[in-house]
């Protein structure tokens, strides 16, 4: 039967991890809810501290707070459905909501990769050219760099919305994923998604690989500078910091390169679903701890904020 004679799909069913035992699904739902709340609270704490503590109002924390704001929305765009599906059984998502989720996921992800390259540049200047740091990282430049990242994200959002709404869906409405990712969504299309496949592949290759090249170049420069530090203790601390940063970057870049840089139709739906957990669940929850909450200045600012709040809530008689 031709696609034109079939009933048009107006909503999808997100399968999630429906193949698991019901009790295991419930446990997974509670675990993911805990991870989500930790992610939101950790990133919200960073934003709050940056706003109230003048010691954190520096270029580095300006970029980190932007990343934290981004992570809250990024993980919310996918994770809410992920832990709601097993607990409530509500698997339905409308066509427009599915397209919006997909567009925001890729737009916010593009912004994040640009921000990661910007943050690596900031750290390179701070470590390798500390005397020129204030002159280079002026507030105007910081704002322009962040604005450029958001412009790229808005561009991705706009073009994907236009192309997605050109697709038609008239057969199965079951998406074998926990959100509207490319591969499981495009395989359900009755119309030819080749243009979107090719456009996505080129755009994400430029954004992801371009960001990766800049990030690796700056970190190589940082490592070169660290090797020339006179104090062994300073080298050890710097290496520990860089290694933790590079670990989280490996998760983010590795998972996205596996899914989106090569043609996504070559990736099995099961692999797509498992690898997607890395950049939608694991990576966002690690960021606050890797970039901020281990920092002594941040810990001091947090302790002081807690002490002030405690004093206001329980004033001494």
C-alpha atoms as a PDB file:
ATOM      1  CA  UNK A   1       0.000   0.000   0.000  1.00  0.00           C
ATOM      2  CA  UNK A   2       1.360   3.462  -0.867  1.00  0.00           C
ATOM      3  CA  UNK A   3       2.381   5.866   1.813  1.00  0.00           C
ATOM      4  CA  UNK A   4      -0.276   8.302   0.641  1.00  0.00           C
ATOM      5  CA  UNK A   5      -3.035   5.736   1.428  1.00  0.00           C
ATOM      6  CA  UNK A   6      -1.839   5.036   4.969  1.00  0.00           C
ATOM      7  CA  UNK A   7      -2.949   6.877   8.091  1.00  0.00           C
ATOM      8  CA  UNK A   8      -0.648   9.757   8.959  1.00  0.00           C
ATOM      9  CA  UNK A   9       1.146   9.409  12.291  1.00  0.00           C
ATOM     10  CA  UNK A  10       0.365  12.212  14.752  1.00  0.00           C
ATOM     11  CA  UNK A  11       2.086  10.771  17.827  1.00  0.00           C
ATOM     12  CA  UNK A  12       4.839   8.303  18.635  1.00  0.00           C
ATOM     13  CA  UNK A  13       5.385   5.644  21.269  1.00  0.00           C
ATOM     14  CA  UNK A  14       8.781   5.839  23.004  1.00  0.00           C
ATOM     15  CA  UNK A  15       9.825   2.264  23.742  1.00  0.00           C
ATOM     16  CA  UNK A  16      12.590   3.247  26.165  1.00  0.00           C
ATOM     17  CA  UNK A  17      13.940   0.082  27.792  1.00  0.00           C
ATOM     18  CA  UNK A  18      10.684  -1.860  27.548  1.00  0.00           C
ATOM     19  CA  UNK A  19      12.573  -5.121  27.015  1.00  0.00           C
ATOM     20  CA  UNK A  20      13.718  -5.127  30.652  1.00  0.00           C
ATOM     21  CA  UNK A  21      11.863  -6.757  33.538  1.00  0.00           C
ATOM     22  CA  UNK A  22       9.236  -4.445  35.113  1.00  0.00           C
ATOM     23  CA  UNK A  23      11.007  -4.321  38.488  1.00  0.00           C
ATOM     24  CA  UNK A  24      14.303  -3.590  36.793  1.00  0.00           C
ATOM     25  CA  UNK A  25      12.614  -0.794  34.831  1.00  0.00           C
ATOM     26  CA  UNK A  26      11.290   0.713  38.075  1.00  0.00           C
ATOM     27  CA  UNK A  27      14.742   0.529  39.668  1.00  0.00           C
ATOM     28  CA  UNK A  28      16.237   2.150  36.563  1.00  0.00           C
ATOM     29  CA  UNK A  29      13.590   4.870  36.726  1.00  0.00           C
ATOM     30  CA  UNK A  30      14.427   5.708  40.357  1.00  0.00           C
ATOM     31  CA  UNK A  31      18.161   5.654  39.630  1.00  0.00           C
ATOM     32  CA  UNK A  32      17.760   7.979  36.662  1.00  0.00           C
ATOM     33  CA  UNK A  33      15.548  10.314  38.704  1.00  0.00           C
ATOM     34  CA  UNK A  34      18.261  10.518  41.360  1.00  0.00           C
ATOM     35  CA  UNK A  35      20.915  11.213  38.725  1.00  0.00           C
ATOM     36  CA  UNK A  36      18.718  13.865  37.108  1.00  0.00           C
ATOM     37  CA  UNK A  37      18.071  15.662  40.419  1.00  0.00           C
ATOM     38  CA  UNK A  38      21.808  15.532  41.212  1.00  0.00           C
ATOM     39  CA  UNK A  39      22.595  17.007  37.796  1.00  0.00           C
ATOM     40  CA  UNK A  40      20.088  19.846  38.149  1.00  0.00           C
ATOM     41  CA  UNK A  41      21.035  20.665  41.752  1.00  0.00           C
ATOM     42  CA  UNK A  42      24.762  20.567  41.032  1.00  0.00           C
ATOM     43  CA  UNK A  43      24.520  22.849  38.013  1.00  0.00           C
ATOM     44  CA  UNK A  44      22.015  25.179  39.699  1.00  0.00           C
ATOM     45  CA  UNK A  45      24.403  25.484  42.661  1.00  0.00           C
ATOM     46  CA  UNK A  46      27.210  26.578  40.338  1.00  0.00           C
ATOM     47  CA  UNK A  47      25.022  29.240  38.721  1.00  0.00           C
ATOM     48  CA  UNK A  48      23.838  30.518  42.121  1.00  0.00           C
ATOM     49  CA  UNK A  49      27.361  30.729  43.564  1.00  0.00           C
ATOM     50  CA  UNK A  50      28.672  32.500  40.476  1.00  0.00           C
ATOM     51  CA  UNK A  51      25.914  35.130  40.834  1.00  0.00           C
ATOM     52  CA  UNK A  52      26.359  35.797  44.578  1.00  0.00           C
ATOM     53  CA  UNK A  53      30.117  35.404  45.109  1.00  0.00           C
ATOM     54  CA  UNK A  54      32.419  38.001  43.537  1.00  0.00           C
ATOM     55  CA  UNK A  55      35.393  35.614  43.677  1.00  0.00           C
ATOM     56  CA  UNK A  56      33.679  33.433  41.088  1.00  0.00           C
ATOM     57  CA  UNK A  57      32.847  36.285  38.724  1.00  0.00           C
ATOM     58  CA  UNK A  58      35.767  35.513  36.430  1.00  0.00           C
ATOM     59  CA  UNK A  59      35.900  34.420  32.759  1.00  0.00           C
ATOM     60  CA  UNK A  60      36.400  30.781  33.729  1.00  0.00           C
ATOM     61  CA  UNK A  61      33.310  30.648  35.932  1.00  0.00           C
ATOM     62  CA  UNK A  62      31.335  32.726  33.448  1.00  0.00           C
ATOM     63  CA  UNK A  63      31.884  29.958  30.903  1.00  0.00           C
ATOM     64  CA  UNK A  64      31.256  27.220  33.480  1.00  0.00           C
ATOM     65  CA  UNK A  65      27.991  28.824  34.604  1.00  0.00           C
ATOM     66  CA  UNK A  66      26.863  29.007  30.965  1.00  0.00           C
ATOM     67  CA  UNK A  67      27.743  25.334  30.595  1.00  0.00           C
ATOM     68  CA  UNK A  68      25.818  24.574  33.808  1.00  0.00           C
ATOM     69  CA  UNK A  69      22.740  26.442  32.534  1.00  0.00           C
ATOM     70  CA  UNK A  70      23.016  24.538  29.268  1.00  0.00           C
ATOM     71  CA  UNK A  71      23.349  21.159  31.006  1.00  0.00           C
ATOM     72  CA  UNK A  72      20.141  21.698  32.989  1.00  0.00           C
ATOM     73  CA  UNK A  73      18.145  22.191  29.794  1.00  0.00           C
ATOM     74  CA  UNK A  74      20.051  19.553  27.837  1.00  0.00           C
ATOM     75  CA  UNK A  75      19.474  16.773  30.356  1.00  0.00           C
ATOM     76  CA  UNK A  76      15.878  17.908  30.940  1.00  0.00           C
ATOM     77  CA  UNK A  77      15.100  17.641  27.224  1.00  0.00           C
ATOM     78  CA  UNK A  78      15.739  13.885  27.266  1.00  0.00           C
ATOM     79  CA  UNK A  79      16.023  12.509  30.809  1.00  0.00           C
ATOM     80  CA  UNK A  80      12.534  13.410  32.063  1.00  0.00           C
ATOM     81  CA  UNK A  81      10.905  11.010  29.619  1.00  0.00           C
ATOM     82  CA  UNK A  82      13.587   8.449  30.426  1.00  0.00           C
ATOM     83  CA  UNK A  83      12.561   8.059  34.077  1.00  0.00           C
ATOM     84  CA  UNK A  84       8.861   8.880  33.580  1.00  0.00           C
ATOM     85  CA  UNK A  85       8.243   6.069  31.064  1.00  0.00           C
ATOM     86  CA  UNK A  86       9.054   3.086  33.368  1.00  0.00           C
ATOM     87  CA  UNK A  87       7.326   4.571  36.430  1.00  0.00           C
ATOM     88  CA  UNK A  88       4.104   5.839  34.823  1.00  0.00           C
ATOM     89  CA  UNK A  89       3.877   3.912  31.565  1.00  0.00           C
ATOM     90  CA  UNK A  90       3.237   7.150  29.646  1.00  0.00           C
ATOM     91  CA  UNK A  91       5.098   6.428  26.439  1.00  0.00           C
ATOM     92  CA  UNK A  92       3.199   8.676  24.034  1.00  0.00           C
ATOM     93  CA  UNK A  93       4.739  11.823  22.578  1.00  0.00           C
ATOM     94  CA  UNK A  94       3.122  14.035  19.955  1.00  0.00           C
ATOM     95  CA  UNK A  95       4.705  14.649  16.566  1.00  0.00           C
ATOM     96  CA  UNK A  96       5.429  18.313  17.331  1.00  0.00           C
ATOM     97  CA  UNK A  97       6.830  17.486  20.795  1.00  0.00           C
ATOM     98  CA  UNK A  98       9.063  14.818  19.265  1.00  0.00           C
ATOM     99  CA  UNK A  99      10.418  17.239  16.647  1.00  0.00           C
ATOM    100  CA  UNK A 100      10.951  19.935  19.295  1.00  0.00           C
ATOM    101  CA  UNK A 101      12.783  17.513  21.579  1.00  0.00           C
ATOM    102  CA  UNK A 102      15.029  16.365  18.734  1.00  0.00           C
ATOM    103  CA  UNK A 103      15.845  19.924  17.671  1.00  0.00           C
ATOM    104  CA  UNK A 104      16.611  21.136  21.191  1.00  0.00           C
ATOM    105  CA  UNK A 105      18.767  18.083  21.867  1.00  0.00           C
ATOM    106  CA  UNK A 106      20.989  18.751  18.863  1.00  0.00           C
ATOM    107  CA  UNK A 107      20.948  22.544  19.224  1.00  0.00           C
ATOM    108  CA  UNK A 108      21.966  22.441  22.900  1.00  0.00           C
ATOM    109  CA  UNK A 109      24.539  19.757  22.130  1.00  0.00           C
ATOM    110  CA  UNK A 110      26.084  21.963  19.419  1.00  0.00           C
ATOM    111  CA  UNK A 111      26.272  24.914  21.825  1.00  0.00           C
ATOM    112  CA  UNK A 112      27.948  22.691  24.398  1.00  0.00           C
ATOM    113  CA  UNK A 113      30.701  21.547  22.048  1.00  0.00           C
ATOM    114  CA  UNK A 114      31.489  25.140  21.110  1.00  0.00           C
ATOM    115  CA  UNK A 115      31.565  26.080  24.801  1.00  0.00           C
ATOM    116  CA  UNK A 116      33.966  23.221  25.535  1.00  0.00           C
ATOM    117  CA  UNK A 117      36.373  24.577  22.925  1.00  0.00           C
ATOM    118  CA  UNK A 118      35.994  28.088  24.379  1.00  0.00           C
ATOM    119  CA  UNK A 119      36.667  26.801  27.907  1.00  0.00           C
ATOM    120  CA  UNK A 120      39.800  24.978  26.763  1.00  0.00           C
ATOM    121  CA  UNK A 121      41.008  28.239  25.177  1.00  0.00           C
ATOM    122  CA  UNK A 122      40.353  30.059  28.458  1.00  0.00           C
ATOM    123  CA  UNK A 123      42.366  27.467  30.411  1.00  0.00           C
ATOM    124  CA  UNK A 124      45.180  27.625  27.846  1.00  0.00           C
ATOM    125  CA  UNK A 125      45.506  31.394  28.241  1.00  0.00           C
ATOM    126  CA  UNK A 126      45.276  31.150  32.057  1.00  0.00           C
ATOM    127  CA  UNK A 127      48.014  28.502  32.335  1.00  0.00           C
ATOM    128  CA  UNK A 128      50.316  29.322  29.437  1.00  0.00           C
ATOM    129  CA  UNK A 129      50.000  33.125  29.351  1.00  0.00           C
ATOM    130  CA  UNK A 130      48.970  34.120  32.903  1.00  0.00           C
ATOM    131  CA  UNK A 131      50.441  37.636  32.674  1.00  0.00           C
ATOM    132  CA  UNK A 132      48.325  38.426  29.607  1.00  0.00           C
ATOM    133  CA  UNK A 133      45.189  36.658  30.823  1.00  0.00           C
ATOM    134  CA  UNK A 134      43.316  39.776  31.956  1.00  0.00           C
ATOM    135  CA  UNK A 135      44.223  41.622  28.766  1.00  0.00           C
ATOM    136  CA  UNK A 136      43.101  38.766  26.496  1.00  0.00           C
ATOM    137  CA  UNK A 137      40.024  37.455  28.311  1.00  0.00           C
ATOM    138  CA  UNK A 138      38.146  40.739  28.514  1.00  0.00           C
ATOM    139  CA  UNK A 139      34.424  40.671  29.373  1.00  0.00           C
ATOM    140  CA  UNK A 140      33.540  41.731  25.827  1.00  0.00           C
ATOM    141  CA  UNK A 141      35.411  38.785  24.312  1.00  0.00           C
ATOM    142  CA  UNK A 142      33.826  36.339  26.776  1.00  0.00           C
ATOM    143  CA  UNK A 143      30.333  37.583  25.920  1.00  0.00           C
ATOM    144  CA  UNK A 144      31.048  37.417  22.186  1.00  0.00           C
ATOM    145  CA  UNK A 145      32.357  33.839  22.439  1.00  0.00           C
ATOM    146  CA  UNK A 146      29.295  32.663  24.361  1.00  0.00           C
ATOM    147  CA  UNK A 147      26.974  34.565  22.005  1.00  0.00           C
ATOM    148  CA  UNK A 148      28.642  32.861  19.023  1.00  0.00           C
ATOM    149  CA  UNK A 149      27.985  29.455  20.601  1.00  0.00           C
ATOM    150  CA  UNK A 150      24.296  30.272  21.076  1.00  0.00           C
ATOM    151  CA  UNK A 151      23.990  31.599  17.504  1.00  0.00           C
ATOM    152  CA  UNK A 152      25.312  28.261  16.225  1.00  0.00           C
ATOM    153  CA  UNK A 153      22.792  26.426  18.393  1.00  0.00           C
ATOM    154  CA  UNK A 154      19.874  28.571  17.209  1.00  0.00           C
ATOM    155  CA  UNK A 155      20.949  27.972  13.605  1.00  0.00           C
ATOM    156  CA  UNK A 156      20.931  24.203  14.164  1.00  0.00           C
ATOM    157  CA  UNK A 157      17.523  24.466  15.865  1.00  0.00           C
ATOM    158  CA  UNK A 158      16.002  26.459  13.005  1.00  0.00           C
ATOM    159  CA  UNK A 159      17.254  24.376  10.100  1.00  0.00           C
ATOM    160  CA  UNK A 160      16.296  21.069  11.768  1.00  0.00           C
ATOM    161  CA  UNK A 161      12.763  22.246  12.496  1.00  0.00           C
ATOM    162  CA  UNK A 162      12.294  23.220   8.857  1.00  0.00           C
ATOM    163  CA  UNK A 163      13.640  19.932   7.485  1.00  0.00           C
ATOM    164  CA  UNK A 164      11.905  17.720  10.059  1.00  0.00           C
ATOM    165  CA  UNK A 165       8.502  19.151   9.232  1.00  0.00           C
ATOM    166  CA  UNK A 166       9.073  18.166   5.592  1.00  0.00           C
ATOM    167  CA  UNK A 167       9.141  14.498   6.616  1.00  0.00           C
ATOM    168  CA  UNK A 168       5.972  12.424   6.639  1.00  0.00           C
ATOM    169  CA  UNK A 169       5.218   9.490   8.952  1.00  0.00           C
ATOM    170  CA  UNK A 170       2.512   7.006   8.019  1.00  0.00           C
ATOM    171  CA  UNK A 171       3.560   3.533   9.166  1.00  0.00           C
ATOM    172  CA  UNK A 172       4.756   2.299  12.542  1.00  0.00           C
ATOM    173  CA  UNK A 173       4.837   4.888  15.319  1.00  0.00           C
ATOM    174  CA  UNK A 174       7.099   2.988  17.739  1.00  0.00           C
ATOM    175  CA  UNK A 175      10.439   4.696  18.405  1.00  0.00           C
ATOM    176  CA  UNK A 176      12.909   2.180  19.817  1.00  0.00           C
ATOM    177  CA  UNK A 177      14.599   4.752  22.027  1.00  0.00           C
ATOM    178  CA  UNK A 178      13.954   6.863  25.120  1.00  0.00           C
ATOM    179  CA  UNK A 179      13.884  10.110  23.122  1.00  0.00           C
ATOM    180  CA  UNK A 180      13.480  11.247  19.514  1.00  0.00           C
ATOM    181  CA  UNK A 181      17.017  10.643  18.283  1.00  0.00           C
ATOM    182  CA  UNK A 182      17.937  10.713  14.592  1.00  0.00           C
ATOM    183  CA  UNK A 183      18.327   7.056  13.734  1.00  0.00           C
ATOM    184  CA  UNK A 184      15.124   5.606  15.279  1.00  0.00           C
ATOM    185  CA  UNK A 185      13.072   8.610  14.117  1.00  0.00           C
ATOM    186  CA  UNK A 186      14.283   8.696  10.515  1.00  0.00           C
ATOM    187  CA  UNK A 187      13.758   4.957  10.027  1.00  0.00           C
ATOM    188  CA  UNK A 188      10.013   5.514  10.593  1.00  0.00           C
ATOM    189  CA  UNK A 189       9.710   8.180   7.902  1.00  0.00           C
ATOM    190  CA  UNK A 190       7.649   7.364   4.791  1.00  0.00           C
ATOM    191  CA  UNK A 191       9.393  10.142   2.876  1.00  0.00           C
ATOM    192  CA  UNK A 192      13.065  10.189   1.939  1.00  0.00           C
ATOM    193  CA  UNK A 193      15.183  11.523   4.860  1.00  0.00           C
ATOM    194  CA  UNK A 194      18.430  11.484   2.834  1.00  0.00           C
ATOM    195  CA  UNK A 195      18.759  15.278   2.788  1.00  0.00           C
ATOM    196  CA  UNK A 196      18.439  15.443   6.562  1.00  0.00           C
ATOM    197  CA  UNK A 197      20.875  12.534   7.000  1.00  0.00           C
ATOM    198  CA  UNK A 198      23.478  14.247   4.809  1.00  0.00           C
ATOM    199  CA  UNK A 199      22.956  17.727   6.247  1.00  0.00           C
ATOM    200  CA  UNK A 200      23.160  16.445   9.813  1.00  0.00           C
ATOM    201  CA  UNK A 201      26.257  14.419   9.052  1.00  0.00           C
ATOM    202  CA  UNK A 202      28.098  17.406   7.521  1.00  0.00           C
ATOM    203  CA  UNK A 203      26.977  19.920  10.155  1.00  0.00           C
ATOM    204  CA  UNK A 204      27.685  17.698  13.157  1.00  0.00           C
ATOM    205  CA  UNK A 205      31.042  16.674  11.690  1.00  0.00           C
ATOM    206  CA  UNK A 206      32.007  20.341  11.427  1.00  0.00           C
ATOM    207  CA  UNK A 207      30.752  21.231  14.915  1.00  0.00           C
ATOM    208  CA  UNK A 208      31.966  18.130  16.771  1.00  0.00           C
ATOM    209  CA  UNK A 209      35.258  17.520  14.968  1.00  0.00           C
ATOM    210  CA  UNK A 210      36.031  21.239  14.700  1.00  0.00           C
ATOM    211  CA  UNK A 211      35.446  21.675  18.425  1.00  0.00           C
ATOM    212  CA  UNK A 212      37.476  18.539  19.146  1.00  0.00           C
ATOM    213  CA  UNK A 213      40.452  19.785  17.102  1.00  0.00           C
ATOM    214  CA  UNK A 214      40.514  23.137  18.906  1.00  0.00           C
ATOM    215  CA  UNK A 215      40.052  21.477  22.304  1.00  0.00           C
ATOM    216  CA  UNK A 216      42.852  18.955  21.743  1.00  0.00           C
ATOM    217  CA  UNK A 217      45.171  21.663  20.400  1.00  0.00           C
ATOM    218  CA  UNK A 218      44.640  23.840  23.485  1.00  0.00           C
ATOM    219  CA  UNK A 219      45.050  20.914  25.886  1.00  0.00           C
ATOM    220  CA  UNK A 220      48.253  19.850  24.138  1.00  0.00           C
ATOM    221  CA  UNK A 221      49.507  23.391  24.659  1.00  0.00           C
ATOM    222  CA  UNK A 222      48.463  23.188  28.320  1.00  0.00           C
ATOM    223  CA  UNK A 223      50.255  19.867  28.816  1.00  0.00           C
ATOM    224  CA  UNK A 224      53.382  21.302  27.180  1.00  0.00           C
ATOM    225  CA  UNK A 225      53.296  24.244  29.599  1.00  0.00           C
ATOM    226  CA  UNK A 226      52.714  21.922  32.569  1.00  0.00           C
ATOM    227  CA  UNK A 227      55.823  19.917  31.698  1.00  0.00           C
ATOM    228  CA  UNK A 228      57.857  23.109  32.080  1.00  0.00           C
ATOM    229  CA  UNK A 229      56.503  23.956  35.537  1.00  0.00           C
ATOM    230  CA  UNK A 230      59.400  24.083  38.026  1.00  0.00           C
ATOM    231  CA  UNK A 231      57.564  22.512  40.984  1.00  0.00           C
ATOM    232  CA  UNK A 232      56.763  18.794  40.901  1.00  0.00           C
ATOM    233  CA  UNK A 233      53.712  19.326  43.129  1.00  0.00           C
ATOM    234  CA  UNK A 234      52.349  21.898  40.703  1.00  0.00           C
ATOM    235  CA  UNK A 235      52.828  19.511  37.775  1.00  0.00           C
ATOM    236  CA  UNK A 236      51.075  16.689  39.631  1.00  0.00           C
ATOM    237  CA  UNK A 237      48.060  18.866  40.522  1.00  0.00           C
ATOM    238  CA  UNK A 238      47.796  20.237  36.994  1.00  0.00           C
ATOM    239  CA  UNK A 239      48.014  16.756  35.456  1.00  0.00           C
ATOM    240  CA  UNK A 240      45.291  15.481  37.816  1.00  0.00           C
ATOM    241  CA  UNK A 241      42.999  18.352  36.794  1.00  0.00           C
ATOM    242  CA  UNK A 242      43.658  17.880  33.077  1.00  0.00           C
ATOM    243  CA  UNK A 243      43.166  14.113  33.249  1.00  0.00           C
ATOM    244  CA  UNK A 244      39.726  14.512  34.852  1.00  0.00           C
ATOM    245  CA  UNK A 245      38.756  17.097  32.219  1.00  0.00           C
ATOM    246  CA  UNK A 246      39.962  14.848  29.403  1.00  0.00           C
ATOM    247  CA  UNK A 247      38.024  11.881  30.817  1.00  0.00           C
ATOM    248  CA  UNK A 248      34.707  13.742  30.639  1.00  0.00           C
ATOM    249  CA  UNK A 249      35.617  15.123  27.204  1.00  0.00           C
ATOM    250  CA  UNK A 250      36.328  11.590  25.983  1.00  0.00           C
ATOM    251  CA  UNK A 251      32.817  10.539  27.060  1.00  0.00           C
ATOM    252  CA  UNK A 252      31.152  13.512  25.352  1.00  0.00           C
ATOM    253  CA  UNK A 253      33.129  13.485  22.121  1.00  0.00           C
ATOM    254  CA  UNK A 254      33.452   9.700  21.882  1.00  0.00           C
ATOM    255  CA  UNK A 255      29.742   8.996  22.217  1.00  0.00           C
ATOM    256  CA  UNK A 256      28.726  11.737  19.780  1.00  0.00           C
ATOM    257  CA  UNK A 257      31.332  10.827  17.171  1.00  0.00           C
ATOM    258  CA  UNK A 258      30.156   7.206  17.322  1.00  0.00           C
ATOM    259  CA  UNK A 259      26.530   8.236  16.788  1.00  0.00           C
ATOM    260  CA  UNK A 260      26.501  11.344  14.628  1.00  0.00           C
ATOM    261  CA  UNK A 261      29.763  11.973  12.757  1.00  0.00           C
ATOM    262  CA  UNK A 262      29.573   8.778  10.722  1.00  0.00           C
ATOM    263  CA  UNK A 263      26.209   8.179   9.032  1.00  0.00           C
ATOM    264  CA  UNK A 264      23.762   7.312  11.824  1.00  0.00           C
ATOM    265  CA  UNK A 265      21.954   4.721   9.686  1.00  0.00           C
ATOM    266  CA  UNK A 266      25.025   2.485  10.119  1.00  0.00           C
ATOM    267  CA  UNK A 267      24.523   2.403  13.892  1.00  0.00           C
ATOM    268  CA  UNK A 268      22.144  -0.229  15.283  1.00  0.00           C
ATOM    269  CA  UNK A 269      19.209   1.079  17.296  1.00  0.00           C
ATOM    270  CA  UNK A 270      20.339  -0.887  20.360  1.00  0.00           C
ATOM    271  CA  UNK A 271      23.837   0.616  20.170  1.00  0.00           C
ATOM    272  CA  UNK A 272      22.344   4.068  19.622  1.00  0.00           C
ATOM    273  CA  UNK A 273      20.226   3.743  22.758  1.00  0.00           C
ATOM    274  CA  UNK A 274      23.031   2.516  25.004  1.00  0.00           C
ATOM    275  CA  UNK A 275      25.663   4.997  23.795  1.00  0.00           C
ATOM    276  CA  UNK A 276      23.135   7.850  24.096  1.00  0.00           C
ATOM    277  CA  UNK A 277      23.008   7.207  27.856  1.00  0.00           C
ATOM    278  CA  UNK A 278      26.621   8.370  28.075  1.00  0.00           C
ATOM    279  CA  UNK A 279      25.993  11.896  26.798  1.00  0.00           C
ATOM    280  CA  UNK A 280      22.449  12.344  28.136  1.00  0.00           C
ATOM    281  CA  UNK A 281      22.888  10.921  31.657  1.00  0.00           C
ATOM    282  CA  UNK A 282      26.502  10.212  32.631  1.00  0.00           C
ATOM    283  CA  UNK A 283      28.269  13.227  31.141  1.00  0.00           C
ATOM    284  CA  UNK A 284      25.879  15.913  32.520  1.00  0.00           C
ATOM    285  CA  UNK A 285      26.080  14.564  36.086  1.00  0.00           C
ATOM    286  CA  UNK A 286      29.906  14.504  36.010  1.00  0.00           C
ATOM    287  CA  UNK A 287      30.349  18.079  34.775  1.00  0.00           C
ATOM    288  CA  UNK A 288      29.545  19.994  38.002  1.00  0.00           C
ATOM    289  CA  UNK A 289      31.971  17.852  40.000  1.00  0.00           C
ATOM    290  CA  UNK A 290      34.745  17.839  37.416  1.00  0.00           C
ATOM    291  CA  UNK A 291      34.744  21.536  36.537  1.00  0.00           C
ATOM    292  CA  UNK A 292      33.631  23.246  39.753  1.00  0.00           C
ATOM    293  CA  UNK A 293      32.603  21.408  42.902  1.00  0.00           C
ATOM    294  CA  UNK A 294      36.127  20.064  43.520  1.00  0.00           C
ATOM    295  CA  UNK A 295      37.603  23.564  43.347  1.00  0.00           C
ATOM    296  CA  UNK A 296      38.656  25.034  46.711  1.00  0.00           C
ATOM    297  CA  UNK A 297      37.280  28.475  45.862  1.00  0.00           C
ATOM    298  CA  UNK A 298      33.901  26.990  44.945  1.00  0.00           C
ATOM    299  CA  UNK A 299      33.823  24.834  48.093  1.00  0.00           C
ATOM    300  CA  UNK A 300      34.665  27.889  50.224  1.00  0.00           C
ATOM    301  CA  UNK A 301      31.949  29.942  48.534  1.00  0.00           C
ATOM    302  CA  UNK A 302      29.448  27.090  49.018  1.00  0.00           C
ATOM    303  CA  UNK A 303      30.302  26.728  52.718  1.00  0.00           C
ATOM    304  CA  UNK A 304      29.919  30.458  53.237  1.00  0.00           C
ATOM    305  CA  UNK A 305      26.569  30.486  51.423  1.00  0.00           C
ATOM    306  CA  UNK A 306      25.330  27.597  53.583  1.00  0.00           C
ATOM    307  CA  UNK A 307      26.562  29.380  56.724  1.00  0.00           C
ATOM    308  CA  UNK A 308      24.727  32.594  55.752  1.00  0.00           C
ATOM    309  CA  UNK A 309      21.531  30.686  54.959  1.00  0.00           C
ATOM    310  CA  UNK A 310      21.745  28.789  58.243  1.00  0.00           C
ATOM    311  CA  UNK A 311      22.282  32.032  60.189  1.00  0.00           C
ATOM    312  CA  UNK A 312      19.198  33.577  58.571  1.00  0.00           C
ATOM    313  CA  UNK A 313      17.008  30.541  59.102  1.00  0.00           C
ATOM    314  CA  UNK A 314      18.171  29.836  62.656  1.00  0.00           C
ATOM    315  CA  UNK A 315      19.336  33.158  64.135  1.00  0.00           C
ATOM    316  CA  UNK A 316      21.097  32.886  67.449  1.00  0.00           C
ATOM    317  CA  UNK A 317      19.119  34.238  70.372  1.00  0.00           C
END
